[in-house]
Amino acid sequence: MKKMILVSSILLSMLLSPNTVNAHRHSGYSDDSGVEFQNSKWMDAIRDDIKLSDLSIPGTHNTMSNGPGGDTARNQVKSLSEQLNSGIRFLDIRARVTSGKLAMHHGPIFLNSMFGDVMNGSVDFLKKNPSEVIFMRIKQEHSTSSDQEFIKILNSYLDAPNNAPYIYQGSNRTNPSMQEMRGKIVIIRNFAGSSMGIHYNSEFDIQDNHNLSTNWDLHDYKWEPVKRQLYKANNNSHNENKYINYLSGSGGSFPYFVASGHSSRGTSAPRLATGLTHPGWKDSYPDFPRVDWFMGIATIAFEGTNVLTTDLIRNNNVKNNTFFSVGVILADFPGSGLINNVIGLNTRHSKEDRIPDGIYSIHSTSANYKAIQFISKGRDAVIWESNDDNNQKFEFKYDYNKQAYQIFNKDGNNIIMAWNNVGNSDKVFGHPNEYKEEHYWILERSGTNMYIFKNKKDSNKVLDVHNLGQTNGTRVKVNERHPYEHGSAQRFALNVNN
């Protein structure tokens, strides 16, 4: 009897405890200003023949809404420049006609900036990064002006001498190529009475369930349509359809909550709990996490769309490389993990065997996709069961002069993956960067998201899993290249891991 009373008391205390769970940080969501990861030139790696419909593009919803109006109206924390340098390439611009100018608005809220600020920031970015393209959805917001007046004022900005050379004026208004668009702002027209740019409603398949009644709409009303749109875009990645998928939402929920599932806006704030537990409600909210297990019972916590989207892309590509394209992703408070995972889907469109600079994990295709890491003693490279440790994360930086990559381990200070080119050694290990030839690697594509790593010092020496080993701790070395049919130990998959 006493035992039953004790158990009942414990369970009652769990039910009456605060409706938040432990602090939660995930790279898909960020409330931090600044540039977390530099992605100012990621489109440089993409071939000229690639069309808009082929691209996976990270973007922001209500791009300029980064302060005024408080948490109900705030959608971003980074400035326009910080967004662009972080890799954002699709901007959502809402403009109101005010005294012959265009003011940036979120509904009735003035965002303390003008369209001239948007154009100055965008043009300045393209001057520094001519390989890139900025897609700019423009919509008239909270305005009583006619479309004709709006267009006249808009054209006064676009036709200005400093801006006009950077506006896309090509004849292809449906699905232009990278060659046509590079260095340009492509207007995505969300207003009537003009033929400029590409029409928003008619040219894109759009998911934008944004008006949540309560927090409990997050799974079925918001996340499920987001997920369906992700799979729809992916399953149709070989045709010329173009997709937009808004991860954002508000109404009865704060925008930060929809993006993160958090109880407050902070990057590491606690998740909110749904009030349901597992296994009692095991069929409810199947994609939300089960956390804080105790005596076989778990709290079902909310999870944000940024987090769920990042994990869906990343987990599918670690396991079976099944995600190829997601179209345009528009998010509130996107973190570097969400941005980089979307960018990473464009590797199949790379020039030659280039991939966008970024943080990746390297998985052996011959060892059940175990990941490369360094072991502490001697920093030898080995394969190990995949985890989320920094030791399995490598930052790839392309050197244009060497035409090869340096691969930096995120667990070390300036430690790169190197071949120990001494005597007849085949050792691959972590070593302080000395910019030697054996500190560089050339990637050669060998299937969808599969690569052979050739050492710059001797391109006949390639990364290899010793004796096709399968167990944790099997060493990774360089070896003479094998014929394709015998080369599974020399093929590796890359997964964006940020």
Protein backbone atom coordinates (compact mmCIF):
# COMPACT_ATOMS: atom_id res chain seq x y z
CA MET A 1 0.00 0.00 0.00
CA LYS A 2 2.80 2.42 0.92
CA LYS A 3 4.53 1.61 -2.37
CA MET A 4 1.37 2.42 -4.34
CA ILE A 5 0.98 5.71 -2.50
CA LEU A 6 4.61 6.60 -3.24
CA VAL A 7 4.24 5.80 -6.96
CA SER A 8 0.99 7.76 -7.14
CA SER A 9 2.64 10.74 -5.45
CA ILE A 10 5.52 10.71 -7.89
CA LEU A 11 3.23 10.52 -10.91
CA LEU A 12 1.02 13.30 -9.51
CA SER A 13 4.08 15.52 -9.02
CA MET A 14 5.03 14.92 -12.66
CA LEU A 15 1.59 15.97 -13.84
CA LEU A 16 1.61 19.09 -11.70
CA SER A 17 5.15 20.13 -12.64
CA PRO A 18 5.81 23.14 -14.90
CA ASN A 19 4.86 22.62 -18.56
CA THR A 20 8.40 22.96 -19.87
CA VAL A 21 11.10 20.37 -20.36
CA ASN A 22 14.86 20.67 -20.31
CA ALA A 23 16.80 23.37 -22.16
CA HIS A 24 16.94 22.54 -25.84
CA ARG A 25 19.46 23.71 -28.43
CA HIS A 26 19.30 22.62 -32.05
CA SER A 27 21.14 23.97 -35.06
CA GLY A 28 17.91 24.30 -37.05
CA TYR A 29 16.77 27.24 -34.91
CA SER A 30 18.67 30.34 -33.88
CA ASP A 31 17.77 33.49 -31.99
CA ASP A 32 21.38 34.69 -32.22
CA SER A 33 22.46 37.63 -34.35
CA GLY A 34 25.61 37.44 -36.43
CA VAL A 35 26.80 34.92 -39.02
CA GLU A 36 27.07 31.45 -37.50
CA PHE A 37 28.53 29.92 -40.67
CA GLN A 38 29.79 31.83 -43.69
CA ASN A 39 27.86 30.86 -46.83
CA SER A 40 28.38 33.94 -48.97
CA LYS A 41 29.40 32.03 -52.12
CA TRP A 42 27.61 28.69 -52.01
CA MET A 43 26.06 29.13 -55.44
CA ASP A 44 29.51 29.40 -57.00
CA ALA A 45 29.73 25.59 -56.86
CA ILE A 46 26.55 25.12 -58.94
CA ARG A 47 26.66 24.48 -62.69
CA ASP A 48 25.40 27.16 -65.07
CA ASP A 49 22.82 24.86 -66.67
CA ILE A 50 20.96 24.22 -63.42
CA LYS A 51 17.47 25.76 -63.42
CA LEU A 52 15.47 27.44 -60.68
CA SER A 53 13.27 24.33 -60.36
CA ASP A 54 16.37 22.20 -59.64
CA LEU A 55 17.54 24.29 -56.71
CA SER A 56 16.98 23.87 -52.98
CA ILE A 57 16.95 27.41 -51.59
CA PRO A 58 16.99 28.59 -47.97
CA GLY A 59 14.93 31.71 -47.36
CA THR A 60 13.35 33.81 -44.65
CA HIS A 61 9.70 34.61 -44.04
CA ASN A 62 9.08 38.31 -43.40
CA THR A 63 12.76 38.96 -43.98
CA MET A 64 12.90 42.47 -42.52
CA SER A 65 10.75 41.77 -39.43
CA ASN A 66 13.62 41.59 -36.95
CA GLY A 67 12.53 43.71 -34.02
CA PRO A 68 9.54 46.08 -34.02
CA GLY A 69 6.24 44.69 -32.71
CA GLY A 70 7.65 42.35 -30.10
CA ASP A 71 7.43 38.56 -30.10
CA THR A 72 4.06 38.43 -31.83
CA ALA A 73 5.45 40.15 -34.94
CA ARG A 74 9.13 39.28 -34.84
CA ASN A 75 10.21 36.68 -37.36
CA GLN A 76 13.97 37.20 -37.60
CA VAL A 77 16.89 38.24 -35.45
CA LYS A 78 19.60 38.58 -38.10
CA SER A 79 20.01 41.65 -40.26
CA LEU A 80 19.62 41.41 -44.04
CA SER A 81 23.41 41.32 -44.47
CA GLU A 82 23.77 38.59 -41.86
CA GLN A 83 21.04 36.54 -43.52
CA LEU A 84 22.65 36.77 -46.96
CA ASN A 85 26.10 35.92 -45.66
CA SER A 86 24.61 32.97 -43.75
CA GLY A 87 23.32 31.54 -47.06
CA ILE A 88 19.76 32.89 -47.31
CA ARG A 89 18.86 33.46 -50.96
CA PHE A 90 15.08 33.95 -50.97
CA LEU A 91 13.78 37.15 -49.36
CA ASP A 92 10.17 37.83 -48.40
CA ILE A 93 9.68 41.59 -48.72
CA ARG A 94 6.43 43.29 -47.63
CA ALA A 95 6.15 46.96 -48.67
CA ARG A 96 3.69 49.75 -47.91
CA VAL A 97 3.31 52.90 -50.00
CA THR A 98 4.14 55.90 -47.79
CA SER A 99 4.61 59.41 -49.18
CA GLY A 100 5.87 58.18 -52.52
CA LYS A 101 8.26 55.65 -50.97
CA LEU A 102 8.05 51.98 -49.99
CA ALA A 103 8.28 51.29 -46.27
CA MET A 104 8.93 47.81 -44.88
CA HIS A 105 5.92 46.54 -42.96
CA HIS A 106 4.63 43.51 -41.08
CA GLY A 107 0.90 44.15 -41.28
CA PRO A 108 0.39 47.58 -39.69
CA ILE A 109 3.82 47.54 -38.02
CA PHE A 110 6.55 49.69 -39.58
CA LEU A 111 9.84 47.79 -39.45
CA ASN A 112 12.12 50.84 -39.22
CA SER A 113 13.49 50.31 -42.71
CA MET A 114 12.68 51.25 -46.30
CA PHE A 115 12.86 49.36 -49.58
CA GLY A 116 15.93 51.42 -50.41
CA ASP A 117 17.69 49.71 -47.50
CA VAL A 118 16.75 46.31 -48.93
CA MET A 119 18.05 47.25 -52.38
CA ASN A 120 21.27 48.73 -51.01
CA GLY A 121 22.00 45.62 -48.96
CA SER A 122 21.15 43.24 -51.79
CA VAL A 123 23.15 45.08 -54.45
CA ASP A 124 26.12 45.45 -52.13
CA PHE A 125 26.06 41.70 -51.49
CA LEU A 126 25.93 40.85 -55.20
CA LYS A 127 28.80 43.22 -55.98
CA LYS A 128 30.95 41.25 -53.54
CA ASN A 129 29.52 37.86 -54.56
CA PRO A 130 28.68 37.90 -58.30
CA SER A 131 28.21 34.11 -58.39
CA GLU A 132 25.05 34.38 -56.28
CA VAL A 133 21.37 34.98 -57.01
CA ILE A 134 18.86 36.73 -54.74
CA PHE A 135 15.21 35.82 -55.19
CA MET A 136 12.97 38.57 -53.85
CA ARG A 137 9.25 38.06 -53.34
CA ILE A 138 7.66 41.52 -53.26
CA LYS A 139 4.15 42.02 -51.86
CA GLN A 140 2.14 45.14 -51.12
CA GLU A 141 1.37 45.14 -47.37
CA HIS A 142 -1.17 47.12 -45.33
CA SER A 143 -1.62 49.64 -48.11
CA THR A 144 -4.60 51.33 -49.73
CA SER A 145 -2.68 52.32 -52.85
CA SER A 146 -3.54 50.85 -56.23
CA ASP A 147 -1.30 48.29 -57.90
CA GLN A 148 -0.46 50.88 -60.55
CA GLU A 149 0.80 53.37 -57.96
CA PHE A 150 2.70 50.62 -56.14
CA ILE A 151 4.39 49.48 -59.37
CA LYS A 152 5.31 53.03 -60.35
CA ILE A 153 7.07 53.60 -57.03
CA LEU A 154 8.67 50.14 -57.11
CA ASN A 155 10.07 50.82 -60.58
CA SER A 156 11.62 54.05 -59.36
CA TYR A 157 13.81 51.91 -57.09
CA LEU A 158 14.50 49.13 -59.58
CA ASP A 159 15.36 51.53 -62.42
CA ALA A 160 17.76 53.60 -60.34
CA PRO A 161 21.26 53.61 -61.93
CA ASN A 162 22.84 51.81 -58.98
CA ASN A 163 20.20 49.07 -58.99
CA ALA A 164 19.16 48.49 -62.60
CA PRO A 165 22.23 46.42 -63.64
CA TYR A 166 21.45 43.95 -60.84
CA ILE A 167 17.79 43.28 -61.68
CA TYR A 168 17.05 40.15 -63.71
CA GLN A 169 15.55 41.24 -67.05
CA GLY A 170 15.79 37.95 -68.93
CA SER A 171 13.04 36.71 -71.22
CA ASN A 172 12.68 33.41 -69.32
CA ARG A 173 9.97 34.28 -66.78
CA THR A 174 9.21 30.74 -65.69
CA ASN A 175 12.35 28.69 -65.04
CA PRO A 176 15.63 30.50 -65.78
CA SER A 177 19.05 28.89 -65.43
CA MET A 178 21.88 29.83 -63.11
CA GLN A 179 23.78 31.24 -66.08
CA GLU A 180 20.91 33.64 -66.76
CA MET A 181 20.43 34.62 -63.12
CA ARG A 182 23.93 34.93 -61.62
CA GLY A 183 24.66 38.27 -60.03
CA LYS A 184 21.00 39.33 -60.27
CA ILE A 185 17.97 39.98 -58.11
CA VAL A 186 15.10 37.91 -59.48
CA ILE A 187 11.80 39.55 -58.60
CA ILE A 188 9.10 37.11 -57.51
CA ARG A 189 6.02 39.17 -58.29
CA ASN A 190 3.16 38.95 -55.76
CA PHE A 191 1.06 41.78 -57.17
CA ALA A 192 -1.06 42.39 -60.27
CA GLY A 193 -0.60 44.72 -63.21
CA SER A 194 2.99 43.94 -64.21
CA SER A 195 5.02 41.33 -66.07
CA MET A 196 8.28 41.87 -64.23
CA GLY A 197 10.16 38.87 -62.89
CA ILE A 198 8.44 35.57 -62.09
CA HIS A 199 4.83 35.42 -60.93
CA TYR A 200 4.49 34.12 -57.37
CA ASN A 201 1.06 32.46 -57.34
CA SER A 202 0.98 30.93 -60.81
CA GLU A 203 4.57 29.69 -61.01
CA PHE A 204 4.98 28.07 -57.59
CA ASP A 205 3.25 25.29 -55.68
CA ILE A 206 2.95 26.94 -52.24
CA GLN A 207 2.33 25.55 -48.74
CA ASP A 208 1.55 28.33 -46.27
CA ASN A 209 -0.64 27.08 -43.41
CA HIS A 210 0.22 29.95 -41.10
CA ASN A 211 -2.75 30.75 -38.86
CA LEU A 212 -2.54 28.48 -35.81
CA SER A 213 -5.43 28.73 -33.34
CA THR A 214 -3.39 27.31 -30.43
CA ASN A 215 0.01 25.74 -29.81
CA TRP A 216 -1.60 22.31 -30.22
CA ASP A 217 -2.11 23.00 -33.93
CA LEU A 218 1.65 22.76 -34.43
CA HIS A 219 1.77 19.06 -35.34
CA ASP A 220 -1.31 18.36 -37.46
CA TYR A 221 -2.16 21.80 -38.89
CA LYS A 222 1.38 23.07 -39.48
CA TRP A 223 4.01 20.34 -39.44
CA GLU A 224 2.10 17.68 -41.40
CA PRO A 225 1.53 20.02 -44.40
CA VAL A 226 5.19 21.10 -44.22
CA LYS A 227 6.28 17.47 -44.29
CA ARG A 228 3.93 16.61 -47.17
CA GLN A 229 5.31 19.54 -49.17
CA LEU A 230 8.89 18.43 -48.47
CA TYR A 231 8.16 14.97 -49.86
CA LYS A 232 6.14 16.41 -52.76
CA ALA A 233 9.04 18.63 -53.82
CA ASN A 234 11.49 15.78 -53.43
CA ASN A 235 9.38 13.23 -55.30
CA ASN A 236 9.00 15.66 -58.21
CA SER A 237 12.62 16.81 -58.25
CA HIS A 238 13.17 15.66 -61.84
CA ASN A 239 10.43 17.78 -63.41
CA GLU A 240 10.24 21.56 -63.71
CA ASN A 241 7.72 22.24 -60.93
CA LYS A 242 8.76 24.84 -58.38
CA TYR A 243 7.83 24.61 -54.71
CA ILE A 244 7.65 27.04 -51.79
CA ASN A 245 7.28 25.69 -48.27
CA TYR A 246 6.68 28.06 -45.36
CA LEU A 247 7.85 26.68 -42.02
CA SER A 248 6.43 29.76 -40.31
CA GLY A 249 3.20 30.32 -38.46
CA SER A 250 1.56 32.57 -35.86
CA GLY A 251 -1.92 33.62 -34.75
CA GLY A 252 -2.56 31.69 -31.55
CA SER A 253 1.16 30.91 -31.23
CA PHE A 254 4.33 32.97 -31.25
CA PRO A 255 6.43 32.69 -34.43
CA TYR A 256 9.45 31.54 -32.39
CA PHE A 257 7.36 28.72 -30.90
CA VAL A 258 6.29 27.42 -34.31
CA ALA A 259 9.93 27.41 -35.43
CA SER A 260 11.44 25.94 -32.25
CA GLY A 261 8.81 24.46 -29.91
CA HIS A 262 10.38 26.59 -27.18
CA SER A 263 8.77 28.26 -24.19
CA SER A 264 10.56 31.51 -25.00
CA ARG A 265 12.57 32.91 -27.91
CA GLY A 266 16.07 31.99 -26.73
CA THR A 267 18.20 29.63 -28.80
CA SER A 268 18.58 27.29 -25.82
CA ALA A 269 15.22 27.88 -24.14
CA PRO A 270 13.27 24.85 -22.82
CA ARG A 271 10.75 23.10 -25.00
CA LEU A 272 7.11 23.38 -24.03
CA ALA A 273 5.38 20.15 -23.05
CA THR A 274 2.17 19.14 -24.82
CA GLY A 275 0.60 17.89 -21.58
CA LEU A 276 0.42 14.35 -22.97
CA THR A 277 2.60 11.40 -22.00
CA HIS A 278 3.83 8.23 -23.67
CA PRO A 279 2.70 5.42 -23.75
CA GLY A 280 -0.71 6.67 -22.60
CA TRP A 281 -1.03 8.82 -25.74
CA LYS A 282 1.53 6.95 -27.85
CA ASP A 283 -0.37 7.61 -31.09
CA SER A 284 -0.60 11.37 -30.53
CA TYR A 285 1.86 13.74 -32.23
CA PRO A 286 4.02 10.91 -33.63
CA ASP A 287 6.79 13.22 -34.87
CA PHE A 288 7.18 15.07 -31.56
CA PRO A 289 9.93 13.89 -29.19
CA ARG A 290 9.42 11.72 -26.12
CA VAL A 291 11.60 13.14 -23.36
CA ASP A 292 12.24 12.98 -19.61
CA TRP A 293 11.57 9.25 -19.27
CA PHE A 294 10.70 8.10 -15.75
CA MET A 295 9.40 4.66 -14.76
CA GLY A 296 8.48 3.89 -18.37
CA ILE A 297 6.60 7.16 -18.90
CA ALA A 298 7.78 10.01 -21.12
CA THR A 299 6.63 13.56 -21.65
CA ILE A 300 5.59 14.36 -25.22
CA ALA A 301 7.22 17.72 -25.98
CA PHE A 302 6.50 20.16 -28.76
CA GLU A 303 9.02 20.34 -31.58
CA GLY A 304 9.42 23.25 -33.99
CA THR A 305 9.18 23.09 -37.76
CA ASN A 306 12.79 24.28 -38.20
CA VAL A 307 14.04 21.39 -36.06
CA LEU A 308 11.78 18.78 -37.64
CA THR A 309 12.70 19.89 -41.18
CA THR A 310 16.43 19.90 -40.46
CA ASP A 311 16.28 16.42 -38.95
CA LEU A 312 14.08 15.02 -41.72
CA ILE A 313 16.53 16.10 -44.42
CA ARG A 314 19.63 15.09 -42.46
CA ASN A 315 18.36 11.72 -41.21
CA ASN A 316 17.07 10.62 -44.60
CA ASN A 317 20.38 11.43 -46.22
CA VAL A 318 22.49 9.70 -43.56
CA LYS A 319 20.50 6.49 -43.90
CA ASN A 320 19.66 6.19 -47.58
CA ASN A 321 20.29 9.40 -49.55
CA THR A 322 16.59 9.76 -50.35
CA PHE A 323 16.30 13.55 -50.24
CA PHE A 324 17.40 15.36 -53.39
CA SER A 325 15.42 18.61 -53.46
CA VAL A 326 13.06 20.58 -51.26
CA GLY A 327 12.46 23.72 -53.35
CA VAL A 328 12.28 27.02 -51.47
CA ILE A 329 12.18 26.80 -47.67
CA LEU A 330 10.99 29.98 -45.92
CA ALA A 331 11.61 30.03 -42.19
CA ASP A 332 11.50 32.21 -39.12
CA PHE A 333 14.73 32.24 -37.08
CA PRO A 334 16.61 29.73 -39.29
CA GLY A 335 19.76 28.31 -37.74
CA SER A 336 22.89 27.28 -39.56
CA GLY A 337 21.85 23.61 -39.48
CA LEU A 338 18.64 24.27 -41.39
CA ILE A 339 20.37 26.60 -43.86
CA ASN A 340 23.29 24.25 -44.47
CA ASN A 341 21.15 21.13 -44.85
CA VAL A 342 19.06 22.86 -47.51
CA ILE A 343 22.19 24.16 -49.28
CA GLY A 344 23.75 20.70 -49.06
CA LEU A 345 21.01 19.22 -51.24
CA ASN A 346 22.52 21.13 -54.17
CA THR A 347 25.71 19.06 -54.20
CA ARG A 348 24.31 16.96 -57.06
CA HIS A 349 24.32 20.15 -59.19
CA SER A 350 27.95 20.98 -58.49
CA LYS A 351 30.48 22.04 -61.08
CA GLU A 352 32.89 19.18 -61.64
CA ASP A 353 33.07 17.50 -58.22
CA ARG A 354 32.65 20.58 -56.08
CA ILE A 355 30.47 20.71 -53.00
CA PRO A 356 29.49 23.85 -51.10
CA ASP A 357 31.85 24.68 -48.26
CA GLY A 358 30.26 23.53 -45.04
CA ILE A 359 30.27 21.10 -42.14
CA TYR A 360 29.78 17.45 -43.08
CA SER A 361 30.08 14.02 -41.56
CA ILE A 362 31.90 11.43 -43.70
CA HIS A 363 30.31 7.97 -43.85
CA SER A 364 31.84 4.75 -45.12
CA THR A 365 29.60 3.01 -47.64
CA SER A 366 31.30 -0.31 -46.89
CA ALA A 367 30.73 -0.22 -43.11
CA ASN A 368 27.01 0.43 -42.64
CA TYR A 369 27.59 4.16 -42.93
CA LYS A 370 29.79 4.40 -39.87
CA ALA A 371 31.40 7.83 -39.68
CA ILE A 372 35.05 8.88 -39.74
CA GLN A 373 36.44 10.39 -36.57
CA PHE A 374 39.81 10.86 -34.91
CA ILE A 375 40.74 8.84 -31.82
CA SER A 376 42.46 10.88 -29.14
CA LYS A 377 45.76 9.02 -29.01
CA GLY A 378 47.73 10.08 -32.07
CA ARG A 379 44.57 11.42 -33.70
CA ASP A 380 44.38 8.38 -36.00
CA ALA A 381 41.39 8.36 -38.35
CA VAL A 382 38.97 5.51 -37.71
CA ILE A 383 35.36 4.61 -38.43
CA TRP A 384 32.84 4.65 -35.57
CA GLU A 385 29.11 4.37 -35.03
CA SER A 386 27.52 7.65 -36.09
CA ASN A 387 26.79 10.16 -33.36
CA ASP A 388 26.46 13.92 -33.08
CA ASP A 389 29.90 14.56 -31.53
CA ASN A 390 32.10 17.30 -32.94
CA ASN A 391 34.74 14.64 -33.53
CA GLN A 392 32.63 13.35 -36.42
CA LYS A 393 32.06 16.81 -37.90
CA PHE A 394 34.44 18.16 -40.54
CA GLU A 395 34.45 21.59 -42.11
CA PHE A 396 35.27 21.46 -45.83
CA LYS A 397 37.01 24.56 -47.20
CA TYR A 398 37.78 24.76 -50.90
CA ASP A 399 41.09 26.33 -51.92
CA TYR A 400 40.73 27.84 -55.40
CA ASN A 401 44.49 27.94 -55.96
CA LYS A 402 45.01 24.29 -54.98
CA GLN A 403 41.69 23.20 -56.51
CA ALA A 404 41.29 20.95 -53.51
CA TYR A 405 39.73 20.89 -50.05
CA GLN A 406 41.15 21.16 -46.60
CA ILE A 407 39.06 19.19 -44.12
CA PHE A 408 39.04 20.62 -40.59
CA ASN A 409 37.89 18.57 -37.61
CA LYS A 410 35.45 20.55 -35.46
CA ASP A 411 36.84 18.99 -32.27
CA GLY A 412 40.29 20.47 -32.72
CA ASN A 413 41.92 23.86 -33.13
CA ASN A 414 43.07 24.10 -36.76
CA ILE A 415 43.37 20.30 -36.96
CA ILE A 416 42.96 18.99 -40.51
CA MET A 417 42.68 15.53 -42.03
CA ALA A 418 46.08 14.66 -43.47
CA TRP A 419 48.08 11.81 -44.96
CA ASN A 420 51.21 11.12 -42.95
CA ASN A 421 53.46 11.11 -46.01
CA VAL A 422 56.60 9.76 -44.33
CA GLY A 423 58.36 6.72 -45.74
CA ASN A 424 55.80 4.14 -46.80
CA SER A 425 53.18 5.22 -44.28
CA ASP A 426 49.51 4.89 -45.21
CA LYS A 427 48.34 6.62 -42.04
CA VAL A 428 45.55 9.20 -42.12
CA PHE A 429 45.33 11.37 -39.04
CA GLY A 430 44.52 14.74 -37.58
CA HIS A 431 47.40 17.19 -37.80
CA PRO A 432 47.92 20.94 -37.31
CA ASN A 433 47.45 22.67 -40.65
CA GLU A 434 50.78 23.35 -42.36
CA TYR A 435 49.30 23.76 -45.86
CA LYS A 436 51.36 20.87 -47.24
CA GLU A 437 50.15 19.08 -50.36
CA GLU A 438 49.25 16.02 -48.30
CA HIS A 439 46.92 18.24 -46.24
CA TYR A 440 44.56 18.67 -49.22
CA TRP A 441 41.96 16.34 -50.74
CA ILE A 442 40.33 16.24 -54.18
CA LEU A 443 36.77 14.91 -54.36
CA GLU A 444 35.66 12.70 -57.23
CA ARG A 445 31.97 11.91 -57.54
CA SER A 446 31.17 8.19 -57.53
CA GLY A 447 27.38 8.00 -57.44
CA THR A 448 24.64 10.06 -55.80
CA ASN A 449 26.28 11.86 -52.87
CA MET A 450 29.17 9.35 -53.01
CA TYR A 451 32.77 10.51 -53.30
CA ILE A 452 36.29 9.20 -53.57
CA PHE A 453 38.83 11.29 -51.62
CA LYS A 454 42.07 11.63 -53.59
CA ASN A 455 45.09 13.07 -51.82
CA LYS A 456 46.54 16.18 -53.45
CA LYS A 457 50.12 14.94 -52.92
CA ASP A 458 49.48 11.78 -54.95
CA SER A 459 46.07 11.44 -56.59
CA ASN A 460 46.58 7.66 -56.87
CA LYS A 461 46.37 7.52 -53.07
CA VAL A 462 42.76 7.58 -51.91
CA LEU A 463 40.96 7.34 -48.59
CA ASP A 464 40.27 3.69 -47.73
CA VAL A 465 38.71 1.66 -44.88
CA HIS A 466 41.31 -0.95 -43.89
CA ASN A 467 40.38 -4.46 -45.06
CA LEU A 468 36.72 -3.47 -45.52
CA GLY A 469 36.45 -3.43 -41.72
CA GLN A 470 33.02 -3.10 -40.13
CA THR A 471 33.78 -2.60 -36.44
CA ASN A 472 34.23 0.56 -34.41
CA GLY A 473 37.88 1.57 -34.42
CA THR A 474 38.75 0.17 -37.86
CA ARG A 475 41.42 2.49 -39.15
CA VAL A 476 41.10 4.71 -42.20
CA LYS A 477 44.17 4.94 -44.42
CA VAL A 478 45.29 5.87 -47.91
CA ASN A 479 45.59 3.11 -50.46
CA GLU A 480 46.08 2.61 -54.16
CA ARG A 481 42.82 3.11 -55.97
CA HIS A 482 40.76 -0.03 -56.64
CA PRO A 483 38.57 -0.72 -59.68
CA TYR A 484 34.99 0.45 -59.13
CA GLU A 485 33.55 -3.02 -58.54
CA HIS A 486 36.06 -3.61 -55.75
CA GLY A 487 36.12 -0.07 -54.41
CA SER A 488 33.37 0.11 -51.79
CA ALA A 489 35.97 0.68 -49.06
CA GLN A 490 37.01 3.81 -50.96
CA ARG A 491 33.57 5.39 -51.44
CA PHE A 492 32.20 7.75 -48.82
CA ALA A 493 28.90 9.57 -48.40
CA LEU A 494 28.75 13.15 -47.15
CA ASN A 495 26.02 14.40 -44.88
CA VAL A 496 25.56 18.03 -43.89
CA ASN A 497 26.09 18.02 -40.14
CA ASN A 498 25.73 21.38 -38.47
